[in-house]
Amino acid sequence: MLGIITGTSLIGKRFDGTEKTVRTKYGDAWLFEGDRALFLPRHGMNADIPPHKINHLANIAAMQKSGVNGVVGVYSTGSLKIGIPPGTLVVPRDYIDFGGCITFYDDEIRHVMPELDQGLRGRLVRASHGRDEGVYIQTRGPRFETKAEVSVLSQYADLVGMTMASEATLCSEIDIPFAAICTVDNYANGVVKQELSYDTVVKNAEKNRKMVEETIARMIG
């Protein structure tokens, strides 16, 4: 069964399936269990958990405990490049995370080689008709990046967000295949002259919701 972790792009949507609380050693996680997929809203059932407060350890442990054979993460991102406009779907090929450490291995020495699963990526590209390219870089929310930060980040990555790298790395640590589909919901701060606001991001994410829903339906259909 495939696990789907959803975020801003699907905030407020209720999924088909049975609502469940999964208890893990890291805390509780909430998900919907359907016939063909598990849906876990990373911002919680009430969509009120900010990005820096998400319990990624509990969420990924819950996926493992539920027996998924792969995880697809859905992400709202800012574009670092003029050539990747809002409204684009991207299936990133890699990611960068120089932020704080999050790991299942606090009590042992273990070095994992994180990577995105090529089989799942291929399925996502075909299901979404999205761009099969791009590097995602994670920053720590909840604030947006400064214009100076965006200028630096754009030299190394194409998309910026606040959650994907943590989920991808944790899945790698426990051998769950992982891939991501990103909706480009805004240009990052300073890429264009238009002022960036959270309301704009949410509004654009709502516009991109149908594309995400259709992609997920094709993935699990």
N, C-alpha and C. Protein backbone atom coordinates (compact mmCIF):
# COMPACT_ATOMS: atom_id res chain seq x y z
N MET A 1 0.84 -1.20 0.00
CA MET A 1 0.00 0.00 0.00
C MET A 1 0.88 1.25 0.00
N LEU A 2 0.46 2.23 -0.75
CA LEU A 2 1.22 3.47 -0.87
C LEU A 2 0.79 4.46 0.22
N GLY A 3 1.77 5.13 0.81
CA GLY A 3 1.50 6.20 1.76
C GLY A 3 1.61 7.55 1.07
N ILE A 4 0.64 8.43 1.30
CA ILE A 4 0.64 9.77 0.73
C ILE A 4 0.68 10.77 1.88
N ILE A 5 1.72 11.59 1.92
CA ILE A 5 1.81 12.65 2.93
C ILE A 5 1.44 13.96 2.25
N THR A 6 0.41 14.61 2.75
CA THR A 6 -0.10 15.80 2.09
C THR A 6 0.17 17.04 2.92
N GLY A 7 0.11 18.19 2.26
CA GLY A 7 0.41 19.44 2.95
C GLY A 7 -0.48 20.57 2.49
N THR A 8 0.11 21.74 2.28
CA THR A 8 -0.63 22.96 1.97
C THR A 8 -1.52 22.79 0.74
N SER A 9 -1.05 22.05 -0.25
CA SER A 9 -1.80 21.90 -1.49
C SER A 9 -3.15 21.26 -1.28
N LEU A 10 -3.29 20.47 -0.21
CA LEU A 10 -4.55 19.77 0.04
C LEU A 10 -5.12 20.11 1.40
N ILE A 11 -4.75 21.26 1.96
CA ILE A 11 -5.29 21.68 3.26
C ILE A 11 -6.82 21.78 3.18
N GLY A 12 -7.46 21.22 4.18
CA GLY A 12 -8.92 21.30 4.26
C GLY A 12 -9.65 20.17 3.56
N LYS A 13 -8.93 19.36 2.77
CA LYS A 13 -9.58 18.26 2.07
C LYS A 13 -9.76 17.08 3.02
N ARG A 14 -10.90 16.43 2.95
CA ARG A 14 -11.15 15.21 3.71
C ARG A 14 -10.98 14.03 2.76
N PHE A 15 -10.23 13.04 3.18
CA PHE A 15 -9.89 11.93 2.31
C PHE A 15 -10.82 10.74 2.54
N ASP A 16 -10.97 9.95 1.49
CA ASP A 16 -11.76 8.73 1.61
C ASP A 16 -11.00 7.74 2.48
N GLY A 17 -11.71 7.10 3.38
CA GLY A 17 -11.08 6.11 4.23
C GLY A 17 -11.45 6.29 5.68
N THR A 18 -10.90 5.42 6.51
CA THR A 18 -11.17 5.42 7.94
C THR A 18 -10.14 6.26 8.67
N GLU A 19 -10.60 7.20 9.48
CA GLU A 19 -9.69 8.03 10.25
C GLU A 19 -9.07 7.20 11.38
N LYS A 20 -7.75 7.27 11.51
CA LYS A 20 -7.06 6.45 12.50
C LYS A 20 -6.03 7.29 13.25
N THR A 21 -5.81 6.92 14.50
CA THR A 21 -4.69 7.44 15.27
C THR A 21 -3.68 6.32 15.42
N VAL A 22 -2.45 6.56 14.99
CA VAL A 22 -1.39 5.56 15.10
C VAL A 22 -0.42 6.00 16.19
N ARG A 23 -0.27 5.19 17.20
CA ARG A 23 0.60 5.52 18.33
C ARG A 23 2.00 4.98 18.07
N THR A 24 2.99 5.84 18.21
CA THR A 24 4.38 5.44 18.02
C THR A 24 5.20 5.89 19.23
N LYS A 25 6.42 5.44 19.33
CA LYS A 25 7.29 5.85 20.44
C LYS A 25 7.64 7.33 20.37
N TYR A 26 7.36 7.95 19.22
CA TYR A 26 7.69 9.37 19.03
C TYR A 26 6.46 10.28 19.21
N GLY A 27 5.32 9.67 19.43
CA GLY A 27 4.09 10.42 19.56
C GLY A 27 3.02 9.84 18.63
N ASP A 28 1.85 10.44 18.64
CA ASP A 28 0.73 9.98 17.82
C ASP A 28 0.74 10.66 16.46
N ALA A 29 0.28 9.91 15.46
CA ALA A 29 0.09 10.46 14.12
C ALA A 29 -1.33 10.13 13.67
N TRP A 30 -1.90 10.99 12.85
CA TRP A 30 -3.28 10.83 12.40
C TRP A 30 -3.30 10.64 10.89
N LEU A 31 -4.07 9.65 10.45
CA LEU A 31 -4.13 9.38 9.02
C LEU A 31 -5.49 8.81 8.64
N PHE A 32 -5.71 8.74 7.33
CA PHE A 32 -6.89 8.12 6.76
C PHE A 32 -6.43 6.85 6.04
N GLU A 33 -7.05 5.74 6.37
CA GLU A 33 -6.71 4.46 5.74
C GLU A 33 -7.77 4.11 4.72
N GLY A 34 -7.39 4.12 3.45
CA GLY A 34 -8.29 3.75 2.37
C GLY A 34 -8.00 2.35 1.87
N ASP A 35 -8.67 1.97 0.79
CA ASP A 35 -8.48 0.63 0.23
C ASP A 35 -7.14 0.50 -0.47
N ARG A 36 -6.66 1.60 -1.05
CA ARG A 36 -5.44 1.50 -1.87
C ARG A 36 -4.32 2.42 -1.41
N ALA A 37 -4.59 3.26 -0.41
CA ALA A 37 -3.55 4.19 0.04
C ALA A 37 -3.85 4.69 1.44
N LEU A 38 -2.80 5.14 2.10
CA LEU A 38 -2.92 5.83 3.38
C LEU A 38 -2.63 7.31 3.14
N PHE A 39 -3.45 8.18 3.70
CA PHE A 39 -3.26 9.62 3.56
C PHE A 39 -2.95 10.21 4.93
N LEU A 40 -1.82 10.87 5.04
CA LEU A 40 -1.41 11.49 6.30
C LEU A 40 -1.25 13.00 6.08
N PRO A 41 -2.10 13.83 6.67
CA PRO A 41 -1.94 15.28 6.55
C PRO A 41 -0.88 15.77 7.54
N ARG A 42 0.25 16.23 7.01
CA ARG A 42 1.38 16.56 7.90
C ARG A 42 1.08 17.72 8.85
N HIS A 43 0.16 18.58 8.45
CA HIS A 43 -0.20 19.71 9.31
C HIS A 43 -1.33 19.36 10.29
N GLY A 44 -1.66 18.06 10.38
CA GLY A 44 -2.67 17.62 11.33
C GLY A 44 -4.06 17.62 10.75
N MET A 45 -4.97 16.96 11.46
CA MET A 45 -6.35 16.84 11.00
C MET A 45 -7.03 18.21 10.88
N ASN A 46 -6.61 19.16 11.70
CA ASN A 46 -7.21 20.49 11.66
C ASN A 46 -6.36 21.48 10.86
N ALA A 47 -5.31 20.98 10.21
CA ALA A 47 -4.44 21.82 9.38
C ALA A 47 -3.89 23.01 10.15
N ASP A 48 -3.53 22.78 11.42
CA ASP A 48 -3.09 23.89 12.27
C ASP A 48 -1.70 23.70 12.87
N ILE A 49 -0.95 22.70 12.39
CA ILE A 49 0.40 22.49 12.90
C ILE A 49 1.38 23.22 11.98
N PRO A 50 2.10 24.23 12.47
CA PRO A 50 3.04 24.96 11.62
C PRO A 50 4.22 24.08 11.22
N PRO A 51 4.92 24.43 10.13
CA PRO A 51 5.95 23.54 9.59
C PRO A 51 7.06 23.19 10.57
N HIS A 52 7.46 24.12 11.43
CA HIS A 52 8.56 23.84 12.35
C HIS A 52 8.11 23.02 13.57
N LYS A 53 6.80 22.75 13.67
CA LYS A 53 6.28 21.97 14.79
C LYS A 53 5.80 20.58 14.37
N ILE A 54 5.94 20.25 13.11
CA ILE A 54 5.49 18.94 12.62
C ILE A 54 6.34 17.84 13.26
N ASN A 55 5.68 16.79 13.72
CA ASN A 55 6.38 15.65 14.31
C ASN A 55 6.70 14.64 13.21
N HIS A 56 7.77 14.92 12.47
CA HIS A 56 8.13 14.06 11.35
C HIS A 56 8.46 12.64 11.81
N LEU A 57 9.08 12.51 12.95
CA LEU A 57 9.44 11.18 13.45
C LEU A 57 8.19 10.33 13.64
N ALA A 58 7.18 10.89 14.29
CA ALA A 58 5.94 10.14 14.51
C ALA A 58 5.24 9.84 13.18
N ASN A 59 5.23 10.80 12.26
CA ASN A 59 4.54 10.59 10.99
C ASN A 59 5.17 9.46 10.18
N ILE A 60 6.50 9.47 10.06
CA ILE A 60 7.15 8.44 9.26
C ILE A 60 7.12 7.10 9.99
N ALA A 61 7.25 7.10 11.31
CA ALA A 61 7.12 5.86 12.07
C ALA A 61 5.73 5.26 11.90
N ALA A 62 4.71 6.12 11.84
CA ALA A 62 3.34 5.65 11.63
C ALA A 62 3.18 5.02 10.25
N MET A 63 3.83 5.59 9.26
CA MET A 63 3.80 5.00 7.92
C MET A 63 4.42 3.60 7.94
N GLN A 64 5.58 3.49 8.59
CA GLN A 64 6.24 2.18 8.69
C GLN A 64 5.35 1.19 9.45
N LYS A 65 4.78 1.61 10.55
CA LYS A 65 3.93 0.74 11.36
C LYS A 65 2.69 0.29 10.59
N SER A 66 2.22 1.13 9.67
CA SER A 66 1.03 0.81 8.88
C SER A 66 1.35 -0.08 7.68
N GLY A 67 2.63 -0.36 7.45
CA GLY A 67 3.01 -1.32 6.43
C GLY A 67 3.06 -0.80 5.01
N VAL A 68 3.30 0.50 4.82
CA VAL A 68 3.37 1.02 3.45
C VAL A 68 4.62 0.48 2.75
N ASN A 69 4.52 0.34 1.43
CA ASN A 69 5.68 -0.11 0.65
C ASN A 69 6.32 1.04 -0.12
N GLY A 70 5.87 2.25 0.14
CA GLY A 70 6.44 3.44 -0.48
C GLY A 70 5.69 4.65 0.02
N VAL A 71 6.34 5.81 -0.03
CA VAL A 71 5.72 7.06 0.40
C VAL A 71 5.90 8.11 -0.68
N VAL A 72 4.82 8.80 -1.00
CA VAL A 72 4.86 9.96 -1.89
C VAL A 72 4.51 11.19 -1.06
N GLY A 73 5.37 12.17 -1.06
CA GLY A 73 5.11 13.42 -0.36
C GLY A 73 4.64 14.48 -1.34
N VAL A 74 3.64 15.25 -0.93
CA VAL A 74 3.11 16.36 -1.75
C VAL A 74 3.50 17.66 -1.07
N TYR A 75 4.11 18.58 -1.83
CA TYR A 75 4.69 19.79 -1.22
C TYR A 75 4.32 21.05 -1.99
N SER A 76 4.06 22.09 -1.22
CA SER A 76 3.92 23.43 -1.76
C SER A 76 5.30 24.08 -1.73
N THR A 77 5.74 24.61 -2.86
CA THR A 77 7.10 25.15 -2.93
C THR A 77 7.12 26.53 -3.57
N GLY A 78 8.22 27.22 -3.31
CA GLY A 78 8.51 28.47 -3.99
C GLY A 78 9.55 28.23 -5.07
N SER A 79 9.37 28.87 -6.20
CA SER A 79 10.33 28.72 -7.29
C SER A 79 11.50 29.68 -7.11
N LEU A 80 12.70 29.15 -7.27
CA LEU A 80 13.91 29.95 -7.22
C LEU A 80 14.35 30.41 -8.61
N LYS A 81 13.61 29.98 -9.64
CA LYS A 81 13.99 30.27 -11.01
C LYS A 81 12.82 30.86 -11.80
N ILE A 82 13.09 31.90 -12.58
CA ILE A 82 12.05 32.51 -13.41
C ILE A 82 11.43 31.48 -14.34
N GLY A 83 12.21 30.54 -14.81
CA GLY A 83 11.73 29.55 -15.77
C GLY A 83 10.85 28.46 -15.18
N ILE A 84 10.60 28.50 -13.88
CA ILE A 84 9.69 27.53 -13.24
C ILE A 84 8.57 28.34 -12.59
N PRO A 85 7.55 28.70 -13.34
CA PRO A 85 6.52 29.63 -12.83
C PRO A 85 5.51 28.93 -11.93
N PRO A 86 4.78 29.72 -11.12
CA PRO A 86 3.66 29.16 -10.35
C PRO A 86 2.69 28.43 -11.27
N GLY A 87 2.15 27.31 -10.76
CA GLY A 87 1.27 26.48 -11.56
C GLY A 87 1.97 25.28 -12.16
N THR A 88 3.30 25.20 -11.97
CA THR A 88 4.09 24.08 -12.49
C THR A 88 4.10 22.94 -11.48
N LEU A 89 4.07 21.70 -11.97
CA LEU A 89 4.30 20.52 -11.14
C LEU A 89 5.72 20.02 -11.41
N VAL A 90 6.43 19.73 -10.35
CA VAL A 90 7.83 19.28 -10.46
C VAL A 90 8.02 18.01 -9.64
N VAL A 91 8.70 17.04 -10.22
CA VAL A 91 9.11 15.83 -9.50
C VAL A 91 10.63 15.94 -9.31
N PRO A 92 11.08 16.45 -8.16
CA PRO A 92 12.51 16.72 -7.99
C PRO A 92 13.36 15.46 -8.05
N ARG A 93 14.58 15.64 -8.52
CA ARG A 93 15.51 14.52 -8.62
C ARG A 93 16.42 14.40 -7.42
N ASP A 94 16.52 15.46 -6.62
CA ASP A 94 17.41 15.43 -5.46
C ASP A 94 17.02 16.58 -4.52
N TYR A 95 17.70 16.63 -3.36
CA TYR A 95 17.38 17.69 -2.40
C TYR A 95 18.60 18.08 -1.59
N ILE A 96 18.51 19.23 -0.98
CA ILE A 96 19.57 19.78 -0.12
C ILE A 96 18.95 20.13 1.23
N ASP A 97 19.64 19.76 2.30
CA ASP A 97 19.18 20.14 3.64
C ASP A 97 20.39 20.34 4.53
N PHE A 98 20.72 21.58 4.81
CA PHE A 98 21.82 21.90 5.72
C PHE A 98 21.30 22.36 7.08
N GLY A 99 20.01 22.09 7.32
CA GLY A 99 19.39 22.57 8.55
C GLY A 99 19.62 21.65 9.73
N GLY A 100 18.73 21.76 10.71
CA GLY A 100 18.87 20.99 11.93
C GLY A 100 18.72 19.50 11.69
N CYS A 101 19.35 18.72 12.54
CA CYS A 101 19.36 17.26 12.39
C CYS A 101 18.04 16.67 12.86
N ILE A 102 17.46 15.78 12.05
CA ILE A 102 16.33 14.97 12.47
C ILE A 102 16.61 13.54 12.03
N THR A 103 16.58 12.60 12.98
CA THR A 103 17.00 11.24 12.68
C THR A 103 16.36 10.25 13.65
N PHE A 104 16.22 9.01 13.18
CA PHE A 104 15.80 7.93 14.06
C PHE A 104 16.98 7.39 14.88
N TYR A 105 18.20 7.82 14.55
CA TYR A 105 19.39 7.21 15.14
C TYR A 105 20.13 8.18 16.05
N ASP A 106 19.45 8.61 17.10
CA ASP A 106 20.09 9.47 18.09
C ASP A 106 21.01 8.69 19.02
N ASP A 107 20.81 7.38 19.13
CA ASP A 107 21.51 6.59 20.14
C ASP A 107 22.49 5.59 19.54
N GLU A 108 22.81 5.73 18.28
CA GLU A 108 23.80 4.84 17.66
C GLU A 108 24.47 5.57 16.51
N ILE A 109 25.65 5.11 16.14
CA ILE A 109 26.37 5.69 15.01
C ILE A 109 25.92 4.98 13.74
N ARG A 110 25.24 5.71 12.90
CA ARG A 110 24.76 5.13 11.64
C ARG A 110 24.67 6.22 10.60
N HIS A 111 25.31 6.01 9.48
CA HIS A 111 25.33 7.02 8.41
C HIS A 111 24.55 6.47 7.21
N VAL A 112 23.46 7.14 6.87
CA VAL A 112 22.58 6.71 5.79
C VAL A 112 22.86 7.54 4.54
N MET A 113 22.81 6.89 3.39
CA MET A 113 22.95 7.59 2.11
C MET A 113 21.56 7.91 1.58
N PRO A 114 21.03 9.12 1.81
CA PRO A 114 19.65 9.43 1.41
C PRO A 114 19.53 9.61 -0.10
N GLU A 115 18.40 9.16 -0.63
CA GLU A 115 18.13 9.35 -2.05
C GLU A 115 16.64 9.20 -2.32
N LEU A 116 16.21 9.76 -3.43
CA LEU A 116 14.83 9.61 -3.86
C LEU A 116 14.73 8.36 -4.73
N ASP A 117 13.63 7.64 -4.58
CA ASP A 117 13.46 6.37 -5.28
C ASP A 117 13.12 6.61 -6.75
N GLN A 118 13.92 6.05 -7.63
CA GLN A 118 13.75 6.30 -9.06
C GLN A 118 12.49 5.66 -9.62
N GLY A 119 12.11 4.49 -9.08
CA GLY A 119 10.89 3.85 -9.55
C GLY A 119 9.65 4.68 -9.23
N LEU A 120 9.56 5.15 -7.99
CA LEU A 120 8.44 6.00 -7.60
C LEU A 120 8.47 7.32 -8.36
N ARG A 121 9.66 7.88 -8.56
CA ARG A 121 9.76 9.13 -9.31
C ARG A 121 9.21 8.96 -10.72
N GLY A 122 9.56 7.86 -11.35
CA GLY A 122 9.07 7.61 -12.70
C GLY A 122 7.56 7.51 -12.75
N ARG A 123 6.98 6.83 -11.78
CA ARG A 123 5.52 6.74 -11.70
C ARG A 123 4.89 8.11 -11.52
N LEU A 124 5.51 8.95 -10.68
CA LEU A 124 4.99 10.30 -10.44
C LEU A 124 5.07 11.16 -11.69
N VAL A 125 6.15 11.07 -12.41
CA VAL A 125 6.30 11.86 -13.64
C VAL A 125 5.20 11.48 -14.63
N ARG A 126 4.97 10.17 -14.78
CA ARG A 126 3.94 9.72 -15.71
C ARG A 126 2.54 10.12 -15.24
N ALA A 127 2.30 10.04 -13.94
CA ALA A 127 0.97 10.35 -13.41
C ALA A 127 0.67 11.84 -13.42
N SER A 128 1.70 12.66 -13.23
CA SER A 128 1.50 14.10 -13.10
C SER A 128 1.75 14.88 -14.38
N HIS A 129 2.50 14.26 -15.32
CA HIS A 129 2.98 14.97 -16.51
C HIS A 129 3.81 16.19 -16.07
N GLY A 130 4.43 16.08 -14.91
CA GLY A 130 5.22 17.17 -14.37
C GLY A 130 6.65 17.15 -14.87
N ARG A 131 7.39 18.14 -14.46
CA ARG A 131 8.80 18.24 -14.86
C ARG A 131 9.63 17.20 -14.12
N ASP A 132 10.39 16.44 -14.86
CA ASP A 132 11.25 15.41 -14.30
C ASP A 132 12.64 16.01 -14.10
N GLU A 133 12.74 16.90 -13.12
CA GLU A 133 14.00 17.61 -12.93
C GLU A 133 13.93 18.42 -11.64
N GLY A 134 15.03 19.06 -11.33
CA GLY A 134 15.01 20.05 -10.26
C GLY A 134 15.55 19.55 -8.94
N VAL A 135 16.12 20.48 -8.20
CA VAL A 135 16.64 20.22 -6.85
C VAL A 135 15.83 21.06 -5.86
N TYR A 136 15.39 20.40 -4.81
CA TYR A 136 14.63 21.04 -3.73
C TYR A 136 15.58 21.36 -2.59
N ILE A 137 15.47 22.54 -2.03
CA ILE A 137 16.27 22.87 -0.86
C ILE A 137 15.32 23.22 0.30
N GLN A 138 15.65 22.68 1.47
CA GLN A 138 14.79 22.89 2.64
C GLN A 138 15.36 23.97 3.54
N THR A 139 14.48 24.88 3.94
CA THR A 139 14.83 25.88 4.94
C THR A 139 13.91 25.68 6.14
N ARG A 140 14.26 26.28 7.25
CA ARG A 140 13.47 26.11 8.46
C ARG A 140 12.40 27.19 8.55
N GLY A 141 11.13 26.75 8.58
CA GLY A 141 10.04 27.69 8.73
C GLY A 141 9.91 28.13 10.18
N PRO A 142 8.91 28.95 10.47
CA PRO A 142 7.78 29.26 9.57
C PRO A 142 7.99 30.47 8.67
N ARG A 143 9.08 31.20 8.85
CA ARG A 143 9.25 32.42 8.05
C ARG A 143 9.67 32.07 6.63
N PHE A 144 9.37 32.99 5.71
CA PHE A 144 9.91 32.87 4.37
C PHE A 144 11.39 33.28 4.37
N GLU A 145 12.07 32.99 3.28
CA GLU A 145 13.48 33.32 3.16
C GLU A 145 13.67 34.80 2.82
N THR A 146 14.78 35.37 3.25
CA THR A 146 15.08 36.75 2.86
C THR A 146 15.49 36.77 1.39
N LYS A 147 15.48 37.96 0.80
CA LYS A 147 15.89 38.09 -0.59
C LYS A 147 17.35 37.69 -0.77
N ALA A 148 18.18 38.02 0.21
CA ALA A 148 19.60 37.64 0.13
C ALA A 148 19.75 36.12 0.18
N GLU A 149 18.96 35.48 1.05
CA GLU A 149 19.01 34.01 1.13
C GLU A 149 18.57 33.38 -0.18
N VAL A 150 17.50 33.90 -0.76
CA VAL A 150 17.01 33.36 -2.03
C VAL A 150 18.06 33.51 -3.12
N SER A 151 18.76 34.63 -3.12
CA SER A 151 19.82 34.84 -4.11
C SER A 151 20.89 33.76 -4.01
N VAL A 152 21.25 33.38 -2.78
CA VAL A 152 22.25 32.32 -2.58
C VAL A 152 21.67 30.96 -2.95
N LEU A 153 20.47 30.67 -2.45
CA LEU A 153 19.86 29.36 -2.68
C LEU A 153 19.66 29.08 -4.16
N SER A 154 19.33 30.11 -4.93
CA SER A 154 19.03 29.92 -6.35
C SER A 154 20.25 29.46 -7.14
N GLN A 155 21.43 29.60 -6.57
CA GLN A 155 22.64 29.14 -7.26
C GLN A 155 22.79 27.62 -7.18
N TYR A 156 22.05 26.99 -6.25
CA TYR A 156 22.24 25.56 -6.01
C TYR A 156 20.97 24.74 -6.16
N ALA A 157 19.81 25.38 -6.15
CA ALA A 157 18.55 24.64 -6.18
C ALA A 157 17.52 25.36 -7.04
N ASP A 158 16.41 24.67 -7.28
CA ASP A 158 15.36 25.19 -8.14
C ASP A 158 14.08 25.51 -7.36
N LEU A 159 13.85 24.77 -6.28
CA LEU A 159 12.65 24.93 -5.47
C LEU A 159 13.04 25.05 -4.01
N VAL A 160 12.23 25.78 -3.24
CA VAL A 160 12.49 25.90 -1.82
C VAL A 160 11.21 25.60 -1.04
N GLY A 161 11.38 24.87 0.06
CA GLY A 161 10.25 24.52 0.92
C GLY A 161 10.74 24.22 2.33
N MET A 162 9.85 23.73 3.17
CA MET A 162 10.16 23.62 4.59
C MET A 162 10.05 22.21 5.16
N THR A 163 9.69 21.19 4.36
CA THR A 163 9.39 19.88 4.96
C THR A 163 9.93 18.66 4.22
N MET A 164 10.14 18.74 2.92
CA MET A 164 10.41 17.53 2.16
C MET A 164 11.67 16.79 2.59
N ALA A 165 12.75 17.50 2.82
CA ALA A 165 14.02 16.84 3.11
C ALA A 165 13.94 16.02 4.39
N SER A 166 13.24 16.52 5.39
CA SER A 166 13.10 15.78 6.65
C SER A 166 12.38 14.46 6.41
N GLU A 167 11.30 14.49 5.65
CA GLU A 167 10.54 13.27 5.39
C GLU A 167 11.32 12.31 4.50
N ALA A 168 11.99 12.83 3.50
CA ALA A 168 12.77 11.98 2.60
C ALA A 168 13.90 11.27 3.35
N THR A 169 14.59 12.00 4.22
CA THR A 169 15.72 11.42 4.95
C THR A 169 15.24 10.35 5.92
N LEU A 170 14.17 10.62 6.64
CA LEU A 170 13.66 9.63 7.59
C LEU A 170 13.21 8.36 6.88
N CYS A 171 12.58 8.50 5.72
CA CYS A 171 12.20 7.32 4.96
C CYS A 171 13.43 6.53 4.52
N SER A 172 14.47 7.24 4.12
CA SER A 172 15.71 6.55 3.73
C SER A 172 16.31 5.77 4.89
N GLU A 173 16.19 6.33 6.09
CA GLU A 173 16.78 5.68 7.26
C GLU A 173 16.12 4.34 7.57
N ILE A 174 14.85 4.19 7.22
CA ILE A 174 14.16 2.94 7.53
C ILE A 174 13.73 2.20 6.26
N ASP A 175 14.42 2.52 5.15
CA ASP A 175 14.28 1.77 3.90
C ASP A 175 12.87 1.80 3.31
N ILE A 176 12.20 2.93 3.41
CA ILE A 176 10.93 3.11 2.72
C ILE A 176 11.18 3.92 1.46
N PRO A 177 10.88 3.38 0.26
CA PRO A 177 11.06 4.16 -0.96
C PRO A 177 10.25 5.46 -0.88
N PHE A 178 10.86 6.54 -1.36
CA PHE A 178 10.24 7.85 -1.21
C PHE A 178 10.44 8.67 -2.48
N ALA A 179 9.39 9.41 -2.85
CA ALA A 179 9.48 10.38 -3.95
C ALA A 179 8.54 11.54 -3.63
N ALA A 180 8.73 12.65 -4.35
CA ALA A 180 7.98 13.87 -4.05
C ALA A 180 7.38 14.47 -5.30
N ILE A 181 6.20 15.06 -5.13
CA ILE A 181 5.59 15.87 -6.17
C ILE A 181 5.39 17.27 -5.58
N CYS A 182 5.92 18.27 -6.27
CA CYS A 182 5.90 19.65 -5.75
C CYS A 182 5.01 20.52 -6.63
N THR A 183 4.11 21.25 -6.00
CA THR A 183 3.38 22.29 -6.71
C THR A 183 4.14 23.59 -6.50
N VAL A 184 4.37 24.31 -7.57
CA VAL A 184 5.00 25.62 -7.47
C VAL A 184 3.89 26.63 -7.25
N ASP A 185 3.81 27.15 -6.03
CA ASP A 185 2.69 28.01 -5.65
C ASP A 185 3.07 29.49 -5.57
N ASN A 186 4.34 29.79 -5.77
CA ASN A 186 4.78 31.19 -5.74
C ASN A 186 6.23 31.26 -6.21
N TYR A 187 6.65 32.44 -6.59
CA TYR A 187 8.08 32.70 -6.75
C TYR A 187 8.64 33.03 -5.37
N ALA A 188 9.82 32.54 -5.08
CA ALA A 188 10.45 32.84 -3.80
C ALA A 188 10.71 34.35 -3.69
N ASN A 189 10.88 34.80 -2.47
CA ASN A 189 11.02 36.21 -2.14
C ASN A 189 12.14 36.88 -2.95
N GLY A 190 11.77 37.84 -3.80
CA GLY A 190 12.76 38.59 -4.57
C GLY A 190 13.01 38.08 -5.97
N VAL A 191 12.50 36.90 -6.32
CA VAL A 191 12.71 36.39 -7.69
C VAL A 191 11.98 37.29 -8.70
N VAL A 192 10.80 37.76 -8.31
CA VAL A 192 10.07 38.74 -9.12
C VAL A 192 9.73 39.92 -8.22
N LYS A 193 9.25 40.99 -8.81
CA LYS A 193 8.97 42.21 -8.04
C LYS A 193 7.74 42.10 -7.16
N GLN A 194 6.81 41.20 -7.53
CA GLN A 194 5.57 41.05 -6.76
C GLN A 194 5.87 40.63 -5.32
N GLU A 195 5.23 41.29 -4.36
CA GLU A 195 5.46 40.99 -2.95
C GLU A 195 4.87 39.63 -2.60
N LEU A 196 5.60 38.86 -1.80
CA LEU A 196 5.19 37.52 -1.41
C LEU A 196 4.40 37.57 -0.11
N SER A 197 3.30 36.80 -0.06
CA SER A 197 2.53 36.70 1.17
C SER A 197 2.00 35.28 1.32
N TYR A 198 1.70 34.89 2.57
CA TYR A 198 1.19 33.55 2.82
C TYR A 198 -0.19 33.37 2.16
N ASP A 199 -0.99 34.41 2.17
CA ASP A 199 -2.31 34.33 1.55
C ASP A 199 -2.19 34.00 0.06
N THR A 200 -1.19 34.58 -0.59
CA THR A 200 -0.97 34.29 -2.01
C THR A 200 -0.60 32.83 -2.21
N VAL A 201 0.26 32.32 -1.34
CA VAL A 201 0.68 30.92 -1.43
C VAL A 201 -0.53 29.99 -1.31
N VAL A 202 -1.37 30.23 -0.31
CA VAL A 202 -2.54 29.37 -0.09
C VAL A 202 -3.50 29.47 -1.26
N LYS A 203 -3.71 30.67 -1.77
CA LYS A 203 -4.62 30.86 -2.91
C LYS A 203 -4.12 30.10 -4.13
N ASN A 204 -2.81 30.18 -4.40
CA ASN A 204 -2.26 29.47 -5.55
C ASN A 204 -2.27 27.95 -5.32
N ALA A 205 -2.06 27.53 -4.08
CA ALA A 205 -2.12 26.10 -3.77
C ALA A 205 -3.51 25.55 -4.05
N GLU A 206 -4.53 26.33 -3.74
CA GLU A 206 -5.90 25.91 -4.01
C GLU A 206 -6.12 25.75 -5.52
N LYS A 207 -5.53 26.65 -6.30
CA LYS A 207 -5.65 26.55 -7.76
C LYS A 207 -4.99 25.28 -8.27
N ASN A 208 -3.89 24.86 -7.62
CA ASN A 208 -3.14 23.68 -8.06
C ASN A 208 -3.69 22.38 -7.50
N ARG A 209 -4.71 22.48 -6.63
CA ARG A 209 -5.21 21.29 -5.95
C ARG A 209 -5.71 20.22 -6.92
N LYS A 210 -6.43 20.63 -7.96
CA LYS A 210 -6.99 19.66 -8.89
C LYS A 210 -5.88 18.83 -9.55
N MET A 211 -4.79 19.48 -9.94
CA MET A 211 -3.68 18.75 -10.55
C MET A 211 -3.11 17.71 -9.59
N VAL A 212 -3.01 18.09 -8.32
CA VAL A 212 -2.48 17.16 -7.32
C VAL A 212 -3.44 15.99 -7.13
N GLU A 213 -4.73 16.29 -7.00
CA GLU A 213 -5.72 15.23 -6.80
C GLU A 213 -5.71 14.26 -7.98
N GLU A 214 -5.62 14.79 -9.19
CA GLU A 214 -5.61 13.92 -10.37
C GLU A 214 -4.35 13.06 -10.40
N THR A 215 -3.24 13.63 -9.99
CA THR A 215 -1.98 12.87 -9.94
C THR A 215 -2.08 11.72 -8.94
N ILE A 216 -2.59 12.01 -7.76
CA ILE A 216 -2.72 10.97 -6.74
C ILE A 216 -3.68 9.88 -7.20
N ALA A 217 -4.78 10.28 -7.83
CA ALA A 217 -5.74 9.29 -8.31
C ALA A 217 -5.11 8.35 -9.32
N ARG A 218 -4.27 8.90 -10.21
CA ARG A 218 -3.60 8.05 -11.19
C ARG A 218 -2.54 7.16 -10.53
N MET A 219 -1.91 7.66 -9.49
CA MET A 219 -0.88 6.88 -8.79
C MET A 219 -1.47 5.65 -8.12
N ILE A 220 -2.65 5.78 -7.53
CA ILE A 220 -3.22 4.68 -6.76
C ILE A 220 -4.34 3.95 -7.49
N GLY A 221 -4.65 4.43 -8.71
CA GLY A 221 -5.77 3.85 -9.43
C GLY A 221 -5.49 2.46 -10.00
